[in-house]
Each structure stands twice: as structure tokens, then as C-alpha cells.
Amino acid sequence: MRILLASFLVAVLLPASLPAAPRNTIAPAAQTQKGFRAEFLTDLADVERKLVGIAEATPTDKYTWRPSSDVRSISEVFMHIAGSNYFLASFVGADAPPLGDDFEKSITRKAEVIAELKRSFAHLRAALQAVEDLEAPVRMFGNQTTHRGVLVTTLSHLHEHLGQLIVYSRMNGIIPPWSK
């Protein structure tokens, strides 16, 4: 119980003592909008900055690294993120580019992975800008939701894999750029 309490206090108090990371560095459009759309773009910009930062900070020879044979390599995680950005945007009406059956393994070179990651974020931002009704109903993975729900799921997915890549980075002696 003490360990759980200590972990909770560290998780809550430590971030408050750290300097805030700059926000809105990628999506200045969020500054001119209000409401959910602006909040989504602000969070998207932050997670994109961090993911691209880790991608750029990771040495080329580490792109094939994986903690075990049954999980994605570093480059495969980045490509999974890119593919998911395209795929999830399709639920709000954006056409995904043709990716092929083995997209996650098709691009492995660092520069190409980073370029595709950036393209997928641009696609996601454009998809959001084209959404007229955030409350429009849509079925996603067999469940009823809204366009807003799709976007929340998208952010959750991005943050999940950001956490994964932070762990991968730390396991390889790479310090995420925003925490230096």
C-alpha cells in the first residue's frame, strides 16, 4: 500500500514541479479556434511533437530494436501510429491512402519513417478540419460513437504508443528530448 501511495504521489506531484513543455508548436490553427476542436488540435500538436522528437532522437541502428520477438520494433511502432492516423481518420470521412497489407514493416529507414509519421499527422489534422458535425453518429469497431468519440479514441491511441516509445527509448538509453 505504501508503494502504491508513493507511486501515486510521484505521478501527481513530480509533473507539477517540472517546467511545462511548450505547446502549440505544430498546430497554430488551434489558437484561433475554440472548444473541442481547439483542444484536440492542441493535444494533437503536443503528442506529435513528442513522437516526432523521439523518432528524431532515436539512432538509426535502434529502429529495428524490439524488447522481445513477439512485439513491434521501434520503426514498426512509428509506422503503426502512422497507419492508425490514416485509418482512424477514415471514421470521420477522410479517405486513407492505400497502405498495403504489410504497411508497418514496409518502411523502416529512419528518414522515411519520420516523413510518413509527419504526413499521417497532417492527414489527421486535415480530416478534423473537414468535420462539420462533431456529434454526427458513426460506427467504429462495432460500437456506436460520434465523430468526437473517434477523435478522443485517436488521442488515446497516440498517447498509449507515446508511452510505449518512452519506455523503449529509456530501455535504449535515449532521453526523450522534452525531458532533458
N, C-alpha and C. Protein backbone atom coordinates (compact mmCIF):
# COMPACT_ATOMS: atom_id res chain seq x y z
N MET A 1 0.83 -1.18 0.00
CA MET A 1 0.00 0.00 0.00
C MET A 1 0.88 1.25 0.00
N ARG A 2 1.99 1.22 0.75
CA ARG A 2 2.89 2.37 0.77
C ARG A 2 3.49 2.62 -0.60
N ILE A 3 3.84 1.55 -1.29
CA ILE A 3 4.42 1.70 -2.63
C ILE A 3 3.40 2.31 -3.58
N LEU A 4 2.17 1.86 -3.50
CA LEU A 4 1.10 2.39 -4.33
C LEU A 4 0.90 3.88 -4.04
N LEU A 5 0.87 4.25 -2.76
CA LEU A 5 0.70 5.64 -2.38
C LEU A 5 1.88 6.47 -2.85
N ALA A 6 3.08 5.97 -2.67
CA ALA A 6 4.28 6.70 -3.11
C ALA A 6 4.26 6.87 -4.62
N SER A 7 3.89 5.85 -5.35
CA SER A 7 3.81 5.94 -6.82
C SER A 7 2.80 7.00 -7.24
N PHE A 8 1.66 7.01 -6.56
CA PHE A 8 0.63 8.00 -6.87
C PHE A 8 1.15 9.41 -6.62
N LEU A 9 1.79 9.63 -5.48
CA LEU A 9 2.30 10.96 -5.15
C LEU A 9 3.36 11.41 -6.15
N VAL A 10 4.24 10.51 -6.55
CA VAL A 10 5.25 10.85 -7.54
C VAL A 10 4.58 11.20 -8.86
N ALA A 11 3.59 10.42 -9.26
CA ALA A 11 2.90 10.66 -10.53
C ALA A 11 2.16 11.99 -10.52
N VAL A 12 1.63 12.39 -9.36
CA VAL A 12 0.86 13.62 -9.28
C VAL A 12 1.74 14.83 -9.01
N LEU A 13 2.69 14.70 -8.10
CA LEU A 13 3.47 15.85 -7.68
C LEU A 13 4.68 16.14 -8.57
N LEU A 14 5.32 15.11 -9.09
CA LEU A 14 6.51 15.33 -9.91
C LEU A 14 6.22 16.15 -11.15
N PRO A 15 5.18 15.84 -11.93
CA PRO A 15 4.93 16.66 -13.11
C PRO A 15 4.67 18.12 -12.77
N ALA A 16 4.07 18.40 -11.63
CA ALA A 16 3.79 19.77 -11.23
C ALA A 16 5.07 20.54 -10.94
N SER A 17 6.15 19.83 -10.57
CA SER A 17 7.39 20.51 -10.25
C SER A 17 8.29 20.69 -11.47
N LEU A 18 7.94 20.06 -12.59
CA LEU A 18 8.75 20.15 -13.79
C LEU A 18 8.30 21.34 -14.63
N PRO A 19 9.22 21.94 -15.41
CA PRO A 19 8.80 23.04 -16.27
C PRO A 19 7.84 22.52 -17.35
N ALA A 20 6.88 23.33 -17.69
CA ALA A 20 5.90 22.91 -18.70
C ALA A 20 6.55 22.87 -20.07
N ALA A 21 6.18 21.87 -20.85
CA ALA A 21 6.66 21.76 -22.23
C ALA A 21 5.93 22.79 -23.06
N PRO A 22 6.62 23.37 -24.05
CA PRO A 22 5.93 24.32 -24.91
C PRO A 22 4.80 23.62 -25.67
N ARG A 23 3.70 24.31 -25.84
CA ARG A 23 2.55 23.72 -26.54
C ARG A 23 2.27 24.55 -27.79
N ASN A 24 1.42 24.03 -28.63
CA ASN A 24 1.01 24.71 -29.86
C ASN A 24 2.16 24.96 -30.81
N THR A 25 3.18 24.10 -30.77
CA THR A 25 4.32 24.31 -31.65
C THR A 25 4.09 23.77 -33.04
N ILE A 26 3.07 22.94 -33.22
CA ILE A 26 2.83 22.36 -34.54
C ILE A 26 1.49 22.80 -35.11
N ALA A 27 0.51 23.10 -34.31
CA ALA A 27 -0.81 23.43 -34.82
C ALA A 27 -1.27 24.82 -34.38
N PRO A 28 -0.70 25.87 -35.00
CA PRO A 28 -1.13 27.21 -34.60
C PRO A 28 -2.61 27.47 -34.90
N ALA A 29 -3.23 26.67 -35.78
CA ALA A 29 -4.65 26.84 -36.07
C ALA A 29 -5.49 26.68 -34.81
N ALA A 30 -5.01 25.88 -33.86
CA ALA A 30 -5.75 25.67 -32.62
C ALA A 30 -5.89 26.97 -31.83
N GLN A 31 -4.97 27.88 -32.02
CA GLN A 31 -5.01 29.13 -31.27
C GLN A 31 -6.15 30.03 -31.73
N THR A 32 -6.64 29.84 -32.96
CA THR A 32 -7.70 30.69 -33.48
C THR A 32 -9.07 30.04 -33.36
N GLN A 33 -9.13 28.81 -32.90
CA GLN A 33 -10.39 28.10 -32.73
C GLN A 33 -10.71 27.98 -31.25
N LYS A 34 -11.94 27.59 -30.97
CA LYS A 34 -12.37 27.40 -29.59
C LYS A 34 -13.04 26.05 -29.44
N GLY A 35 -13.17 25.60 -28.20
CA GLY A 35 -13.91 24.38 -27.92
C GLY A 35 -13.11 23.12 -28.19
N PHE A 36 -13.86 22.05 -28.41
CA PHE A 36 -13.23 20.73 -28.56
C PHE A 36 -12.22 20.70 -29.69
N ARG A 37 -12.54 21.30 -30.81
CA ARG A 37 -11.64 21.29 -31.96
C ARG A 37 -10.28 21.88 -31.59
N ALA A 38 -10.28 23.00 -30.91
CA ALA A 38 -9.03 23.63 -30.48
C ALA A 38 -8.31 22.77 -29.46
N GLU A 39 -9.05 22.19 -28.53
CA GLU A 39 -8.44 21.31 -27.52
C GLU A 39 -7.81 20.08 -28.18
N PHE A 40 -8.52 19.51 -29.15
CA PHE A 40 -7.99 18.35 -29.87
C PHE A 40 -6.70 18.74 -30.60
N LEU A 41 -6.72 19.86 -31.33
CA LEU A 41 -5.54 20.27 -32.09
C LEU A 41 -4.35 20.58 -31.18
N THR A 42 -4.61 21.16 -30.01
CA THR A 42 -3.54 21.44 -29.06
C THR A 42 -2.91 20.15 -28.55
N ASP A 43 -3.74 19.20 -28.16
CA ASP A 43 -3.22 17.91 -27.68
C ASP A 43 -2.54 17.16 -28.81
N LEU A 44 -3.12 17.19 -30.00
CA LEU A 44 -2.51 16.53 -31.15
C LEU A 44 -1.13 17.11 -31.44
N ALA A 45 -1.01 18.42 -31.38
CA ALA A 45 0.28 19.07 -31.61
C ALA A 45 1.31 18.62 -30.59
N ASP A 46 0.89 18.52 -29.35
CA ASP A 46 1.81 18.12 -28.28
C ASP A 46 2.27 16.67 -28.46
N VAL A 47 1.34 15.76 -28.72
CA VAL A 47 1.72 14.36 -28.88
C VAL A 47 2.54 14.17 -30.15
N GLU A 48 2.22 14.92 -31.21
CA GLU A 48 3.02 14.84 -32.44
C GLU A 48 4.44 15.31 -32.18
N ARG A 49 4.57 16.44 -31.49
CA ARG A 49 5.91 16.98 -31.19
C ARG A 49 6.74 15.95 -30.43
N LYS A 50 6.11 15.30 -29.48
CA LYS A 50 6.83 14.31 -28.68
C LYS A 50 7.17 13.06 -29.49
N LEU A 51 6.24 12.57 -30.28
CA LEU A 51 6.51 11.37 -31.09
C LEU A 51 7.57 11.64 -32.14
N VAL A 52 7.48 12.76 -32.82
CA VAL A 52 8.49 13.11 -33.82
C VAL A 52 9.83 13.34 -33.12
N GLY A 53 9.80 13.95 -31.95
CA GLY A 53 11.04 14.17 -31.19
C GLY A 53 11.73 12.86 -30.83
N ILE A 54 10.96 11.88 -30.39
CA ILE A 54 11.55 10.57 -30.08
C ILE A 54 12.06 9.92 -31.36
N ALA A 55 11.31 10.02 -32.44
CA ALA A 55 11.74 9.43 -33.71
C ALA A 55 13.06 10.04 -34.16
N GLU A 56 13.19 11.35 -34.01
CA GLU A 56 14.43 12.02 -34.42
C GLU A 56 15.58 11.72 -33.47
N ALA A 57 15.29 11.55 -32.20
CA ALA A 57 16.35 11.30 -31.21
C ALA A 57 16.83 9.84 -31.22
N THR A 58 16.05 8.95 -31.79
CA THR A 58 16.42 7.54 -31.81
C THR A 58 17.45 7.29 -32.89
N PRO A 59 18.60 6.73 -32.53
CA PRO A 59 19.62 6.43 -33.54
C PRO A 59 19.09 5.43 -34.57
N THR A 60 19.56 5.58 -35.78
CA THR A 60 19.12 4.72 -36.89
C THR A 60 19.23 3.24 -36.56
N ASP A 61 20.31 2.85 -35.91
CA ASP A 61 20.51 1.42 -35.64
C ASP A 61 19.53 0.88 -34.60
N LYS A 62 18.81 1.74 -33.92
CA LYS A 62 17.83 1.29 -32.91
C LYS A 62 16.43 1.11 -33.50
N TYR A 63 16.23 1.50 -34.74
CA TYR A 63 14.91 1.38 -35.34
C TYR A 63 14.44 -0.06 -35.47
N THR A 64 15.36 -1.00 -35.50
CA THR A 64 14.99 -2.43 -35.58
C THR A 64 14.89 -3.08 -34.20
N TRP A 65 15.22 -2.34 -33.14
CA TRP A 65 15.21 -2.89 -31.80
C TRP A 65 13.78 -3.18 -31.36
N ARG A 66 13.62 -4.29 -30.65
CA ARG A 66 12.34 -4.65 -30.03
C ARG A 66 12.67 -5.35 -28.72
N PRO A 67 11.85 -5.15 -27.68
CA PRO A 67 12.14 -5.76 -26.38
C PRO A 67 12.01 -7.28 -26.38
N SER A 68 11.21 -7.82 -27.30
CA SER A 68 11.11 -9.28 -27.45
C SER A 68 10.61 -9.56 -28.87
N SER A 69 10.77 -10.79 -29.28
CA SER A 69 10.46 -11.15 -30.67
C SER A 69 8.98 -11.07 -31.01
N ASP A 70 8.11 -11.03 -30.02
CA ASP A 70 6.67 -11.06 -30.27
C ASP A 70 6.01 -9.68 -30.25
N VAL A 71 6.79 -8.61 -30.25
CA VAL A 71 6.22 -7.26 -30.27
C VAL A 71 6.85 -6.44 -31.39
N ARG A 72 6.25 -5.31 -31.68
CA ARG A 72 6.72 -4.44 -32.76
C ARG A 72 8.09 -3.85 -32.43
N SER A 73 8.89 -3.66 -33.47
CA SER A 73 10.16 -2.93 -33.34
C SER A 73 9.83 -1.44 -33.21
N ILE A 74 10.85 -0.65 -32.95
CA ILE A 74 10.65 0.80 -32.84
C ILE A 74 10.08 1.36 -34.13
N SER A 75 10.66 1.01 -35.28
CA SER A 75 10.13 1.55 -36.55
C SER A 75 8.70 1.05 -36.79
N GLU A 76 8.42 -0.18 -36.41
CA GLU A 76 7.07 -0.72 -36.59
C GLU A 76 6.05 0.01 -35.72
N VAL A 77 6.44 0.44 -34.54
CA VAL A 77 5.52 1.22 -33.70
C VAL A 77 5.22 2.56 -34.36
N PHE A 78 6.25 3.22 -34.87
CA PHE A 78 6.02 4.51 -35.55
C PHE A 78 5.13 4.32 -36.77
N MET A 79 5.34 3.26 -37.52
CA MET A 79 4.52 3.01 -38.70
C MET A 79 3.11 2.59 -38.31
N HIS A 80 2.97 1.89 -37.20
CA HIS A 80 1.64 1.56 -36.69
C HIS A 80 0.88 2.85 -36.36
N ILE A 81 1.56 3.78 -35.74
CA ILE A 81 0.95 5.07 -35.42
C ILE A 81 0.51 5.77 -36.70
N ALA A 82 1.40 5.83 -37.68
CA ALA A 82 1.07 6.49 -38.95
C ALA A 82 -0.14 5.82 -39.61
N GLY A 83 -0.10 4.50 -39.70
CA GLY A 83 -1.21 3.77 -40.30
C GLY A 83 -2.51 3.98 -39.55
N SER A 84 -2.43 4.02 -38.25
CA SER A 84 -3.63 4.24 -37.43
C SER A 84 -4.16 5.65 -37.59
N ASN A 85 -3.27 6.63 -37.75
CA ASN A 85 -3.74 8.01 -38.01
C ASN A 85 -4.58 8.04 -39.29
N TYR A 86 -4.09 7.37 -40.34
CA TYR A 86 -4.85 7.32 -41.59
C TYR A 86 -6.17 6.56 -41.39
N PHE A 87 -6.09 5.40 -40.76
CA PHE A 87 -7.26 4.53 -40.59
C PHE A 87 -8.32 5.19 -39.71
N LEU A 88 -7.92 5.72 -38.56
CA LEU A 88 -8.90 6.32 -37.65
C LEU A 88 -9.54 7.56 -38.27
N ALA A 89 -8.80 8.30 -39.08
CA ALA A 89 -9.38 9.47 -39.76
C ALA A 89 -10.48 9.06 -40.73
N SER A 90 -10.43 7.81 -41.20
CA SER A 90 -11.46 7.35 -42.13
C SER A 90 -12.83 7.29 -41.46
N PHE A 91 -12.88 7.16 -40.15
CA PHE A 91 -14.16 7.11 -39.43
C PHE A 91 -14.84 8.48 -39.38
N VAL A 92 -14.10 9.55 -39.67
CA VAL A 92 -14.71 10.88 -39.74
C VAL A 92 -14.81 11.34 -41.19
N GLY A 93 -14.64 10.41 -42.13
CA GLY A 93 -14.88 10.70 -43.53
C GLY A 93 -13.66 10.94 -44.40
N ALA A 94 -12.47 10.88 -43.87
CA ALA A 94 -11.27 11.11 -44.68
C ALA A 94 -10.86 9.81 -45.37
N ASP A 95 -10.50 9.91 -46.62
CA ASP A 95 -10.02 8.74 -47.36
C ASP A 95 -8.58 8.46 -46.97
N ALA A 96 -8.34 7.24 -46.53
CA ALA A 96 -6.97 6.82 -46.20
C ALA A 96 -6.22 6.51 -47.48
N PRO A 97 -4.95 6.87 -47.55
CA PRO A 97 -4.17 6.48 -48.73
C PRO A 97 -4.00 4.96 -48.75
N PRO A 98 -3.77 4.38 -49.92
CA PRO A 98 -3.53 2.93 -49.96
C PRO A 98 -2.22 2.61 -49.24
N LEU A 99 -2.29 1.72 -48.26
CA LEU A 99 -1.12 1.45 -47.44
C LEU A 99 -0.51 0.07 -47.70
N GLY A 100 -1.25 -0.82 -48.23
CA GLY A 100 -0.73 -2.17 -48.43
C GLY A 100 -0.92 -3.02 -47.19
N ASP A 101 -0.78 -4.33 -47.39
CA ASP A 101 -1.04 -5.28 -46.31
C ASP A 101 -0.01 -5.25 -45.19
N ASP A 102 1.21 -4.93 -45.51
CA ASP A 102 2.28 -5.02 -44.52
C ASP A 102 2.89 -3.63 -44.25
N PHE A 103 2.03 -2.63 -44.14
CA PHE A 103 2.47 -1.25 -44.01
C PHE A 103 3.46 -1.03 -42.88
N GLU A 104 3.20 -1.63 -41.72
CA GLU A 104 4.07 -1.40 -40.56
C GLU A 104 5.51 -1.86 -40.80
N LYS A 105 5.68 -2.84 -41.66
CA LYS A 105 7.02 -3.37 -41.93
C LYS A 105 7.58 -2.86 -43.26
N SER A 106 6.80 -2.09 -44.00
CA SER A 106 7.20 -1.68 -45.34
C SER A 106 8.17 -0.51 -45.35
N ILE A 107 8.12 0.33 -44.34
CA ILE A 107 9.01 1.48 -44.26
C ILE A 107 9.81 1.34 -42.97
N THR A 108 11.13 1.25 -43.11
CA THR A 108 11.97 1.01 -41.93
C THR A 108 13.11 2.02 -41.78
N ARG A 109 13.41 2.76 -42.83
CA ARG A 109 14.51 3.73 -42.73
C ARG A 109 14.06 4.95 -41.95
N LYS A 110 14.92 5.41 -41.08
CA LYS A 110 14.59 6.49 -40.15
C LYS A 110 13.97 7.70 -40.86
N ALA A 111 14.61 8.23 -41.87
CA ALA A 111 14.11 9.44 -42.54
C ALA A 111 12.74 9.20 -43.15
N GLU A 112 12.53 8.02 -43.72
CA GLU A 112 11.24 7.70 -44.34
C GLU A 112 10.16 7.49 -43.29
N VAL A 113 10.53 6.88 -42.18
CA VAL A 113 9.58 6.68 -41.08
C VAL A 113 9.12 8.04 -40.55
N ILE A 114 10.06 8.94 -40.32
CA ILE A 114 9.73 10.28 -39.79
C ILE A 114 8.85 11.03 -40.79
N ALA A 115 9.19 10.96 -42.06
CA ALA A 115 8.40 11.65 -43.09
C ALA A 115 6.97 11.11 -43.12
N GLU A 116 6.81 9.79 -43.06
CA GLU A 116 5.47 9.19 -43.09
C GLU A 116 4.69 9.53 -41.82
N LEU A 117 5.38 9.55 -40.70
CA LEU A 117 4.74 9.92 -39.44
C LEU A 117 4.19 11.35 -39.54
N LYS A 118 4.99 12.27 -40.05
CA LYS A 118 4.56 13.67 -40.21
C LYS A 118 3.39 13.78 -41.20
N ARG A 119 3.45 13.04 -42.32
CA ARG A 119 2.35 13.06 -43.29
C ARG A 119 1.05 12.57 -42.65
N SER A 120 1.16 11.54 -41.80
CA SER A 120 -0.05 11.00 -41.18
C SER A 120 -0.68 12.00 -40.21
N PHE A 121 0.15 12.78 -39.53
CA PHE A 121 -0.40 13.80 -38.64
C PHE A 121 -1.04 14.93 -39.44
N ALA A 122 -0.45 15.31 -40.56
CA ALA A 122 -1.06 16.33 -41.42
C ALA A 122 -2.41 15.83 -41.94
N HIS A 123 -2.47 14.57 -42.30
CA HIS A 123 -3.72 13.96 -42.77
C HIS A 123 -4.78 14.00 -41.66
N LEU A 124 -4.38 13.68 -40.46
CA LEU A 124 -5.30 13.67 -39.33
C LEU A 124 -5.83 15.07 -39.04
N ARG A 125 -4.95 16.07 -39.07
CA ARG A 125 -5.39 17.45 -38.85
C ARG A 125 -6.37 17.89 -39.94
N ALA A 126 -6.06 17.56 -41.19
CA ALA A 126 -6.95 17.92 -42.30
C ALA A 126 -8.30 17.23 -42.15
N ALA A 127 -8.29 15.99 -41.71
CA ALA A 127 -9.54 15.26 -41.50
C ALA A 127 -10.40 15.96 -40.46
N LEU A 128 -9.80 16.40 -39.37
CA LEU A 128 -10.56 17.09 -38.33
C LEU A 128 -11.13 18.39 -38.87
N GLN A 129 -10.33 19.13 -39.62
CA GLN A 129 -10.80 20.42 -40.14
C GLN A 129 -12.00 20.25 -41.07
N ALA A 130 -12.10 19.09 -41.72
CA ALA A 130 -13.20 18.83 -42.65
C ALA A 130 -14.48 18.37 -41.94
N VAL A 131 -14.37 17.99 -40.68
CA VAL A 131 -15.54 17.52 -39.93
C VAL A 131 -16.44 18.71 -39.63
N GLU A 132 -17.69 18.60 -40.09
CA GLU A 132 -18.64 19.68 -39.84
C GLU A 132 -19.40 19.49 -38.54
N ASP A 133 -19.75 18.24 -38.26
CA ASP A 133 -20.58 17.95 -37.08
C ASP A 133 -19.85 16.95 -36.18
N LEU A 134 -19.30 17.42 -35.09
CA LEU A 134 -18.58 16.54 -34.18
C LEU A 134 -19.50 15.54 -33.49
N GLU A 135 -20.79 15.83 -33.44
CA GLU A 135 -21.73 14.93 -32.79
C GLU A 135 -22.38 13.94 -33.77
N ALA A 136 -21.97 13.96 -35.02
CA ALA A 136 -22.54 13.04 -36.01
C ALA A 136 -22.24 11.60 -35.58
N PRO A 137 -23.24 10.74 -35.66
CA PRO A 137 -23.03 9.35 -35.25
C PRO A 137 -22.20 8.57 -36.27
N VAL A 138 -21.46 7.61 -35.77
CA VAL A 138 -20.64 6.73 -36.62
C VAL A 138 -20.43 5.42 -35.87
N ARG A 139 -20.30 4.35 -36.61
CA ARG A 139 -19.96 3.05 -36.00
C ARG A 139 -18.46 2.86 -36.14
N MET A 140 -17.83 2.53 -35.03
CA MET A 140 -16.39 2.28 -35.02
C MET A 140 -16.14 1.01 -34.24
N PHE A 141 -15.51 0.04 -34.87
CA PHE A 141 -15.20 -1.24 -34.24
C PHE A 141 -16.44 -1.90 -33.65
N GLY A 142 -17.56 -1.77 -34.38
CA GLY A 142 -18.80 -2.42 -33.96
C GLY A 142 -19.60 -1.67 -32.91
N ASN A 143 -19.13 -0.50 -32.51
CA ASN A 143 -19.82 0.27 -31.47
C ASN A 143 -20.29 1.60 -32.03
N GLN A 144 -21.38 2.10 -31.48
CA GLN A 144 -21.89 3.41 -31.87
C GLN A 144 -21.09 4.48 -31.12
N THR A 145 -20.67 5.51 -31.84
CA THR A 145 -19.98 6.64 -31.24
C THR A 145 -20.28 7.87 -32.09
N THR A 146 -19.52 8.92 -31.89
CA THR A 146 -19.65 10.15 -32.68
C THR A 146 -18.30 10.49 -33.29
N HIS A 147 -18.29 11.49 -34.15
CA HIS A 147 -17.00 11.95 -34.68
C HIS A 147 -16.10 12.40 -33.54
N ARG A 148 -16.67 13.05 -32.54
CA ARG A 148 -15.89 13.46 -31.37
C ARG A 148 -15.30 12.22 -30.68
N GLY A 149 -16.09 11.17 -30.54
CA GLY A 149 -15.61 9.93 -29.93
C GLY A 149 -14.45 9.32 -30.71
N VAL A 150 -14.51 9.40 -32.03
CA VAL A 150 -13.42 8.90 -32.87
C VAL A 150 -12.14 9.67 -32.55
N LEU A 151 -12.26 10.98 -32.43
CA LEU A 151 -11.09 11.81 -32.17
C LEU A 151 -10.52 11.56 -30.77
N VAL A 152 -11.38 11.35 -29.80
CA VAL A 152 -10.92 11.01 -28.45
C VAL A 152 -10.17 9.68 -28.49
N THR A 153 -10.73 8.70 -29.20
CA THR A 153 -10.06 7.40 -29.34
C THR A 153 -8.71 7.57 -30.02
N THR A 154 -8.65 8.43 -31.01
CA THR A 154 -7.39 8.68 -31.72
C THR A 154 -6.33 9.23 -30.78
N LEU A 155 -6.71 10.21 -29.96
CA LEU A 155 -5.74 10.76 -28.99
C LEU A 155 -5.32 9.71 -27.97
N SER A 156 -6.26 8.91 -27.51
CA SER A 156 -5.92 7.85 -26.55
C SER A 156 -4.91 6.89 -27.16
N HIS A 157 -5.13 6.52 -28.39
CA HIS A 157 -4.23 5.61 -29.09
C HIS A 157 -2.84 6.22 -29.23
N LEU A 158 -2.79 7.48 -29.59
CA LEU A 158 -1.48 8.15 -29.75
C LEU A 158 -0.73 8.21 -28.42
N HIS A 159 -1.42 8.54 -27.36
CA HIS A 159 -0.76 8.62 -26.05
C HIS A 159 -0.33 7.25 -25.55
N GLU A 160 -1.10 6.23 -25.86
CA GLU A 160 -0.70 4.87 -25.50
C GLU A 160 0.65 4.52 -26.13
N HIS A 161 0.78 4.81 -27.41
CA HIS A 161 2.03 4.46 -28.09
C HIS A 161 3.16 5.44 -27.76
N LEU A 162 2.83 6.66 -27.39
CA LEU A 162 3.86 7.57 -26.88
C LEU A 162 4.47 6.97 -25.62
N GLY A 163 3.65 6.48 -24.72
CA GLY A 163 4.16 5.84 -23.50
C GLY A 163 5.02 4.64 -23.83
N GLN A 164 4.58 3.83 -24.77
CA GLN A 164 5.37 2.67 -25.20
C GLN A 164 6.74 3.11 -25.72
N LEU A 165 6.76 4.15 -26.54
CA LEU A 165 8.04 4.60 -27.12
C LEU A 165 8.93 5.28 -26.09
N ILE A 166 8.34 5.90 -25.08
CA ILE A 166 9.15 6.44 -23.99
C ILE A 166 9.88 5.30 -23.29
N VAL A 167 9.16 4.22 -23.01
CA VAL A 167 9.79 3.06 -22.36
C VAL A 167 10.86 2.48 -23.27
N TYR A 168 10.56 2.27 -24.54
CA TYR A 168 11.56 1.75 -25.48
C TYR A 168 12.80 2.64 -25.49
N SER A 169 12.57 3.95 -25.52
CA SER A 169 13.69 4.89 -25.54
C SER A 169 14.55 4.75 -24.29
N ARG A 170 13.90 4.77 -23.15
CA ARG A 170 14.64 4.66 -21.89
C ARG A 170 15.40 3.34 -21.79
N MET A 171 14.81 2.27 -22.31
CA MET A 171 15.49 0.97 -22.30
C MET A 171 16.75 0.99 -23.17
N ASN A 172 16.80 1.93 -24.12
CA ASN A 172 17.94 2.04 -25.02
C ASN A 172 18.83 3.23 -24.69
N GLY A 173 18.64 3.82 -23.51
CA GLY A 173 19.49 4.94 -23.09
C GLY A 173 19.20 6.24 -23.81
N ILE A 174 18.03 6.36 -24.40
CA ILE A 174 17.64 7.58 -25.13
C ILE A 174 16.73 8.39 -24.22
N ILE A 175 17.09 9.63 -24.02
CA ILE A 175 16.28 10.53 -23.19
C ILE A 175 15.32 11.26 -24.11
N PRO A 176 14.03 11.17 -23.85
CA PRO A 176 13.08 11.93 -24.68
C PRO A 176 13.45 13.42 -24.67
N PRO A 177 13.50 14.04 -25.84
CA PRO A 177 14.01 15.42 -25.95
C PRO A 177 13.34 16.43 -25.02
N TRP A 178 12.05 16.30 -24.77
CA TRP A 178 11.36 17.29 -23.94
C TRP A 178 11.66 17.11 -22.46
N SER A 179 12.30 16.01 -22.07
CA SER A 179 12.59 15.82 -20.64
C SER A 179 14.06 16.03 -20.32
N LYS A 180 14.83 16.53 -21.26
CA LYS A 180 16.25 16.81 -20.99
C LYS A 180 16.40 18.04 -20.15
